[in-house]
Amino acid sequence: MSRQPTIKDVASRAEVSFKTVSRVLNGEPHVRQEVRERVLAAAAALDYQPNIAARGLIGGRSRLIGFLYDNPNYSYVTEAEIGALLRCREAGYHLAVEPIDSRGDVARQIEQVISSLRLDGVIATPPISDDPAALAVLDRLGVAHVRIAPTADRDQGPCVFIDDEAAALALTQHLIGLGHREIGFVLGHPDHGASHLRLQGFERAMAAAGLPVAAAHKVQGYFTFESGVSAGHALLGGSGRPTAVFAANDKTALGVLAAARELGLSAPSDISIAGFDDTRIARLSSPPLTTVRQPVDVMCEAAADMLIALADGEALADPARQLPFEIRVRGSTAAPGGRAPSS
């Protein structure tokens, strides 16, 4: 067949109506298994690719979910996308990944995305998930949305999150348990609510252990490798440096690790370094990075699942879904001057 096959071609080959083909490809129930298998086999034999726009006109839905992000940490964004994408694909949906510049007119950008794509729902990642203008325009347009890691008003709509403060507290306690008493902290981007929660967790753990935090041991970062390098030089370049550094995300922590090497320091024998997120780069670094496992892929998979349920008219049993975190201990942390644990 030289032309692109159509839904009618699939129907003819499977000897069913084109409405039955549509029901099968949309994953609708109440289709006999034998018929479903025949339709799927016909579609595969013809290499049929459904027209998403046409689907939306027929079913009243676009079967498109938007993924909105503004995050300098592309490892985080990639893992988040993959989680949402896999769930969408399972359910016969597609994911539209759209960058949003929080420095510009957020509401206008989101309105343009919604009007051009006619989305069935939106996954809003940080910092968009806490942006009042972004949430207001989604509410005004009547677009279902699930927020990832919001830090405010979690009872105001569907969201998926972990306890960032408790996670940062637990990782700080791990460093204290190794024997560290002077611990530096690299803050996350000030526009991200999680940055402040992670700082609070760090400060709570230090205060509970009776350990003061010198002002010079708290340095601003921006969730970027470059800000980690700058923070690393500020923390480690002079006298009175801490014996451990906890950075608010993995990318920043790897910047601190790079700065340590530039200063002739080795992790973990000279300095212990820890991060947050457990992105792929944390597992591939040398040494592998001790970090908090924030399951961003699972979080976005859950968000997509919630949007699909809402599109099907289902009520959400748990609209504010908290997922667990884990502390992943690897070779970048050890007792002061000690040997790294096995990874």
Protein backbone atom coordinates (compact mmCIF):
# COMPACT_ATOMS: atom_id res chain seq x y z
CA MET A 1 0.00 0.00 0.00
CA SER A 2 1.70 3.17 -1.20
CA ARG A 3 -0.56 5.60 0.65
CA GLN A 4 -0.77 5.91 4.41
CA PRO A 5 -3.25 3.32 5.75
CA THR A 6 -6.43 4.63 7.35
CA ILE A 7 -8.68 3.39 10.13
CA LYS A 8 -11.05 2.09 7.43
CA ASP A 9 -8.23 -0.03 5.99
CA VAL A 10 -7.68 -1.57 9.43
CA ALA A 11 -11.42 -2.17 9.79
CA SER A 12 -11.61 -3.86 6.40
CA ARG A 13 -8.64 -6.13 7.13
CA ALA A 14 -9.99 -7.06 10.58
CA GLU A 15 -13.55 -7.41 9.20
CA VAL A 16 -15.05 -5.09 11.80
CA SER A 17 -16.53 -1.57 11.75
CA PHE A 18 -14.21 1.43 11.96
CA LYS A 19 -15.97 2.33 15.26
CA THR A 20 -14.80 -0.98 16.70
CA VAL A 21 -11.25 -0.21 15.57
CA SER A 22 -11.50 3.17 17.29
CA ARG A 23 -12.70 1.55 20.52
CA VAL A 24 -9.84 -0.96 20.49
CA LEU A 25 -7.15 1.63 19.74
CA ASN A 26 -8.52 3.93 22.44
CA GLY A 27 -8.30 1.11 24.98
CA GLU A 28 -12.03 1.15 25.69
CA PRO A 29 -13.60 -1.80 27.56
CA HIS A 30 -16.36 -4.18 26.45
CA VAL A 31 -14.61 -5.42 23.30
CA ARG A 32 -14.25 -9.20 22.97
CA GLN A 33 -10.66 -10.35 23.33
CA GLU A 34 -10.75 -12.18 19.98
CA VAL A 35 -11.93 -9.01 18.22
CA ARG A 36 -9.36 -6.88 20.04
CA GLU A 37 -6.52 -9.19 18.98
CA ARG A 38 -7.76 -9.24 15.38
CA VAL A 39 -7.85 -5.43 15.21
CA LEU A 40 -4.39 -5.04 16.78
CA ALA A 41 -2.95 -7.63 14.38
CA ALA A 42 -4.47 -5.79 11.40
CA ALA A 43 -3.12 -2.45 12.61
CA ALA A 44 0.34 -3.95 13.06
CA ALA A 45 0.29 -5.63 9.64
CA LEU A 46 -0.63 -2.33 7.96
CA ASP A 47 1.76 -0.30 10.15
CA TYR A 48 -1.20 1.94 10.95
CA GLN A 49 -0.38 5.14 12.89
CA PRO A 50 -3.52 6.75 14.37
CA ASN A 51 -4.17 10.41 13.73
CA ILE A 52 -4.24 12.04 17.17
CA ALA A 53 -6.13 15.12 16.03
CA ALA A 54 -8.81 12.97 14.37
CA ARG A 55 -9.14 10.91 17.53
CA GLY A 56 -9.88 14.07 19.47
CA LEU A 57 -12.62 15.11 17.03
CA ILE A 58 -14.27 11.66 17.23
CA GLY A 59 -14.04 11.09 20.97
CA GLY A 60 -14.24 14.63 22.27
CA ARG A 61 -10.74 14.28 23.74
CA SER A 62 -7.34 15.00 22.28
CA ARG A 63 -5.67 12.18 24.26
CA LEU A 64 -2.80 14.59 24.77
CA ILE A 65 -1.31 15.36 28.17
CA GLY A 66 0.95 18.37 28.54
CA PHE A 67 4.19 18.26 30.52
CA LEU A 68 5.19 21.78 31.57
CA TYR A 69 8.69 22.40 32.90
CA ASP A 70 11.16 25.15 33.73
CA ASN A 71 14.13 23.47 35.36
CA PRO A 72 17.87 23.82 34.68
CA ASN A 73 18.43 20.23 35.81
CA TYR A 74 17.81 18.31 32.60
CA SER A 75 18.53 14.96 34.24
CA TYR A 76 15.54 15.57 36.52
CA VAL A 77 13.39 16.69 33.59
CA THR A 78 14.33 13.67 31.47
CA GLU A 79 13.52 11.15 34.19
CA ALA A 80 10.25 12.94 34.93
CA GLU A 81 9.30 12.88 31.25
CA ILE A 82 10.04 9.17 30.91
CA GLY A 83 7.76 8.30 33.83
CA ALA A 84 4.86 10.27 32.37
CA LEU A 85 5.53 9.09 28.82
CA LEU A 86 5.44 5.39 29.65
CA ARG A 87 2.12 5.69 31.48
CA CYS A 88 0.62 7.76 28.67
CA ARG A 89 1.71 5.23 26.07
CA GLU A 90 0.17 2.36 28.04
CA ALA A 91 -3.17 4.18 28.06
CA GLY A 92 -3.11 5.28 24.43
CA TYR A 93 -2.24 8.89 25.23
CA HIS A 94 0.59 11.07 23.97
CA LEU A 95 2.77 13.45 25.96
CA ALA A 96 3.41 17.00 24.77
CA VAL A 97 6.56 18.36 26.45
CA GLU A 98 6.48 22.16 26.66
CA PRO A 99 9.12 24.45 28.22
CA ILE A 100 7.84 27.45 30.17
CA ASP A 101 10.07 30.43 30.98
CA SER A 102 9.22 31.51 34.53
CA ARG A 103 11.01 34.81 33.93
CA GLY A 104 8.39 35.77 31.33
CA ASP A 105 4.60 35.93 31.22
CA VAL A 106 3.84 32.44 32.50
CA ALA A 107 0.07 32.72 32.13
CA ARG A 108 0.31 33.83 28.50
CA GLN A 109 2.75 31.03 27.63
CA ILE A 110 0.51 28.38 29.18
CA GLU A 111 -2.59 29.79 27.51
CA GLN A 112 -0.84 29.58 24.14
CA VAL A 113 0.11 25.95 24.77
CA ILE A 114 -3.42 25.01 25.81
CA SER A 115 -5.08 26.78 22.88
CA SER A 116 -2.77 25.25 20.28
CA LEU A 117 -2.78 21.67 21.57
CA ARG A 118 -6.22 21.25 23.19
CA LEU A 119 -4.78 19.20 26.02
CA ASP A 120 -6.81 16.78 28.13
CA GLY A 121 -4.67 17.60 31.14
CA VAL A 122 -1.39 19.06 32.33
CA ILE A 123 1.45 17.87 34.56
CA ALA A 124 2.98 20.96 36.19
CA THR A 125 6.51 20.48 37.51
CA PRO A 126 8.42 22.85 39.85
CA PRO A 127 8.50 25.83 39.97
CA ILE A 128 5.36 26.01 37.80
CA SER A 129 3.52 23.80 40.29
CA ASP A 130 3.73 26.63 42.86
CA ASP A 131 3.26 29.57 40.47
CA PRO A 132 -0.04 31.36 41.26
CA ALA A 133 -0.32 32.79 37.72
CA ALA A 134 0.17 29.37 36.15
CA LEU A 135 -2.40 27.71 38.38
CA ALA A 136 -4.89 30.55 37.90
CA VAL A 137 -4.83 30.27 34.10
CA LEU A 138 -5.23 26.48 34.23
CA ASP A 139 -8.23 26.91 36.54
CA ARG A 140 -9.71 29.64 34.35
CA LEU A 141 -9.39 27.49 31.23
CA GLY A 142 -10.85 24.48 33.03
CA VAL A 143 -7.85 22.27 32.29
CA ALA A 144 -7.30 19.34 34.64
CA HIS A 145 -3.82 19.48 36.15
CA VAL A 146 -1.67 17.58 38.60
CA ARG A 147 1.16 19.38 40.39
CA ILE A 148 4.51 17.75 41.02
CA ALA A 149 6.20 18.58 44.35
CA PRO A 150 4.16 21.66 45.27
CA THR A 151 5.06 23.20 48.61
CA ALA A 152 1.84 25.17 49.17
CA ASP A 153 -1.91 24.45 49.14
CA ARG A 154 -1.60 20.72 48.64
CA ASP A 155 -5.29 20.41 49.50
CA GLN A 156 -6.30 22.64 46.58
CA GLY A 157 -5.99 20.06 43.82
CA PRO A 158 -4.34 16.82 42.71
CA CYS A 159 -0.60 16.64 43.42
CA VAL A 160 2.25 14.18 43.93
CA PHE A 161 5.14 14.90 46.28
CA ILE A 162 7.67 13.63 48.79
CA ASP A 163 8.52 15.12 52.17
CA ASP A 164 11.53 17.22 51.14
CA GLU A 165 12.17 18.52 54.64
CA ALA A 166 12.17 15.05 56.20
CA ALA A 167 14.40 13.75 53.38
CA ALA A 168 16.98 16.51 53.89
CA LEU A 169 16.86 15.95 57.63
CA ALA A 170 17.52 12.22 57.14
CA LEU A 171 20.48 12.78 54.84
CA THR A 172 21.98 15.34 57.21
CA GLN A 173 21.58 12.84 60.05
CA HIS A 174 23.47 10.31 57.92
CA LEU A 175 26.40 12.72 57.62
CA ILE A 176 26.28 13.49 61.34
CA GLY A 177 26.19 9.76 62.05
CA LEU A 178 29.41 9.35 60.09
CA GLY A 179 31.06 11.78 62.51
CA HIS A 180 30.82 15.08 60.61
CA ARG A 181 30.31 18.13 62.80
CA GLU A 182 30.98 20.93 60.33
CA ILE A 183 28.71 20.46 57.33
CA GLY A 184 28.23 22.94 54.51
CA PHE A 185 24.98 23.36 52.61
CA VAL A 186 24.45 24.56 49.05
CA LEU A 187 20.95 25.98 48.68
CA GLY A 188 18.70 25.26 45.72
CA HIS A 189 17.16 27.80 43.38
CA PRO A 190 15.27 30.39 45.46
CA ASP A 191 12.21 30.20 43.16
CA HIS A 192 11.70 26.50 43.95
CA GLY A 193 9.74 25.83 47.13
CA ALA A 194 11.58 22.55 47.69
CA SER A 195 14.83 24.49 48.08
CA HIS A 196 13.55 26.10 51.27
CA LEU A 197 12.18 22.83 52.65
CA ARG A 198 15.51 21.10 52.10
CA LEU A 199 17.33 23.91 53.90
CA GLN A 200 14.88 23.63 56.79
CA GLY A 201 15.50 19.89 57.04
CA PHE A 202 19.27 20.43 57.09
CA GLU A 203 19.01 23.13 59.77
CA ARG A 204 16.64 21.04 61.89
CA ALA A 205 19.03 18.09 61.90
CA MET A 206 22.00 20.26 62.79
CA ALA A 207 20.09 22.02 65.58
CA ALA A 208 18.84 18.72 67.00
CA ALA A 209 22.44 17.49 67.16
CA GLY A 210 23.56 20.71 68.86
CA LEU A 211 25.75 21.64 65.88
CA PRO A 212 25.97 25.30 64.88
CA VAL A 213 26.09 26.19 61.18
CA ALA A 214 28.51 28.98 60.34
CA ALA A 215 27.07 31.61 57.97
CA ALA A 216 29.98 30.97 55.60
CA HIS A 217 28.94 27.31 55.40
CA LYS A 218 25.62 28.13 53.69
CA VAL A 219 26.05 29.16 50.06
CA GLN A 220 23.44 29.95 47.44
CA GLY A 221 23.14 27.60 44.48
CA TYR A 222 20.74 27.43 41.54
CA PHE A 223 20.37 23.70 40.83
CA THR A 224 23.10 23.98 38.18
CA PHE A 225 26.53 22.41 37.85
CA GLU A 226 28.12 25.85 37.46
CA SER A 227 26.60 27.16 40.69
CA GLY A 228 27.87 24.02 42.41
CA VAL A 229 31.41 24.73 41.22
CA SER A 230 31.19 28.32 42.52
CA ALA A 231 29.72 27.17 45.83
CA GLY A 232 32.38 24.47 46.13
CA HIS A 233 35.17 27.02 45.78
CA ALA A 234 33.50 29.28 48.34
CA LEU A 235 33.10 26.46 50.85
CA LEU A 236 36.35 24.59 50.31
CA GLY A 237 38.81 27.19 49.10
CA GLY A 238 39.83 28.69 52.43
CA SER A 239 40.66 27.73 55.97
CA GLY A 240 37.98 26.36 58.24
CA ARG A 241 36.32 24.41 55.48
CA PRO A 242 33.60 21.89 56.40
CA THR A 243 34.33 18.17 56.33
CA ALA A 244 31.12 17.45 54.40
CA VAL A 245 28.89 19.32 51.94
CA PHE A 246 25.22 18.63 51.31
CA ALA A 247 23.97 20.20 48.05
CA ALA A 248 20.25 20.68 47.36
CA ASN A 249 20.37 18.60 44.17
CA ASP A 250 22.69 16.15 42.42
CA LYS A 251 23.84 18.46 39.66
CA THR A 252 24.98 21.05 42.19
CA ALA A 253 26.67 18.34 44.26
CA LEU A 254 28.66 17.24 41.20
CA GLY A 255 29.73 20.85 40.72
CA VAL A 256 31.02 20.83 44.31
CA LEU A 257 32.85 17.58 43.54
CA ALA A 258 34.49 19.20 40.51
CA ALA A 259 35.53 22.21 42.59
CA ALA A 260 37.04 19.90 45.22
CA ARG A 261 39.18 18.24 42.56
CA GLU A 262 40.30 21.62 41.23
CA LEU A 263 41.42 22.45 44.78
CA GLY A 264 43.34 19.17 45.08
CA LEU A 265 40.81 17.53 47.39
CA SER A 266 39.56 13.97 47.07
CA ALA A 267 36.13 12.62 47.97
CA PRO A 268 35.51 11.09 50.40
CA SER A 269 38.94 11.05 52.07
CA ASP A 270 39.23 14.87 52.21
CA ILE A 271 35.60 15.90 51.82
CA SER A 272 32.27 14.05 51.85
CA ILE A 273 29.71 15.27 49.30
CA ALA A 274 26.00 14.43 49.08
CA GLY A 275 23.16 15.50 46.81
CA PHE A 276 19.41 15.17 46.33
CA ASP A 277 17.22 13.47 43.64
CA ASP A 278 19.21 10.33 42.71
CA THR A 279 19.27 11.17 39.02
CA ARG A 280 21.24 8.98 36.66
CA ILE A 281 24.32 11.21 36.84
CA ALA A 282 24.53 10.56 40.59
CA ARG A 283 24.97 6.86 39.91
CA LEU A 284 27.53 7.38 37.13
CA SER A 285 29.80 9.91 38.84
CA SER A 286 33.18 9.02 40.29
CA PRO A 287 32.80 8.33 43.12
CA PRO A 288 29.07 7.54 42.93
CA LEU A 289 27.08 10.15 44.81
CA THR A 290 25.33 9.64 48.13
CA THR A 291 21.93 11.22 47.68
CA VAL A 292 18.21 11.24 48.43
CA ARG A 293 16.20 9.06 46.08
CA GLN A 294 13.28 11.23 44.95
CA PRO A 295 11.35 8.98 42.54
CA VAL A 296 10.59 11.68 39.95
CA ASP A 297 9.78 9.10 37.28
CA VAL A 298 7.27 7.36 39.54
CA MET A 299 5.87 10.72 40.65
CA CYS A 300 5.17 11.77 37.06
CA GLU A 301 3.84 8.32 36.18
CA ALA A 302 1.38 8.72 39.06
CA ALA A 303 0.46 12.22 37.86
CA ALA A 304 -0.27 10.93 34.36
CA ASP A 305 -2.34 8.12 35.84
CA MET A 306 -4.39 10.65 37.82
CA LEU A 307 -5.05 12.77 34.74
CA ILE A 308 -6.12 9.74 32.71
CA ALA A 309 -8.51 8.73 35.49
CA LEU A 310 -9.97 12.25 35.58
CA ALA A 311 -10.40 12.22 31.78
CA ASP A 312 -12.35 8.98 32.17
CA GLY A 313 -14.64 10.61 34.71
CA GLU A 314 -13.23 8.73 37.69
CA ALA A 315 -12.91 10.22 41.16
CA LEU A 316 -9.42 10.23 42.69
CA ALA A 317 -9.19 8.21 45.88
CA ASP A 318 -6.03 10.05 46.95
CA PRO A 319 -5.70 13.45 45.23
CA ALA A 320 -2.69 14.46 47.37
CA ARG A 321 -0.34 11.52 46.92
CA GLN A 322 2.83 11.40 49.02
CA LEU A 323 5.49 8.95 47.86
CA PRO A 324 8.38 7.65 49.97
CA PHE A 325 12.00 8.76 49.66
CA GLU A 326 15.16 6.74 50.29
CA ILE A 327 18.69 7.61 51.34
CA ARG A 328 21.14 6.08 48.85
CA VAL A 329 24.57 5.77 50.47
CA ARG A 330 27.41 5.53 47.98
CA GLY A 331 31.11 6.22 47.73
CA SER A 332 31.09 10.03 47.98
CA THR A 333 30.57 10.03 51.76
CA ALA A 334 32.55 8.52 54.62
CA ALA A 335 33.70 9.34 58.13
CA PRO A 336 35.97 12.42 58.23
CA GLY A 337 39.26 11.31 56.74
CA GLY A 338 37.94 7.77 56.55
CA ARG A 339 37.31 5.21 53.85
CA ALA A 340 34.28 5.23 51.60
CA PRO A 341 31.56 2.65 52.18
CA SER A 342 31.03 0.08 49.50
CA SER A 343 28.55 1.26 46.87
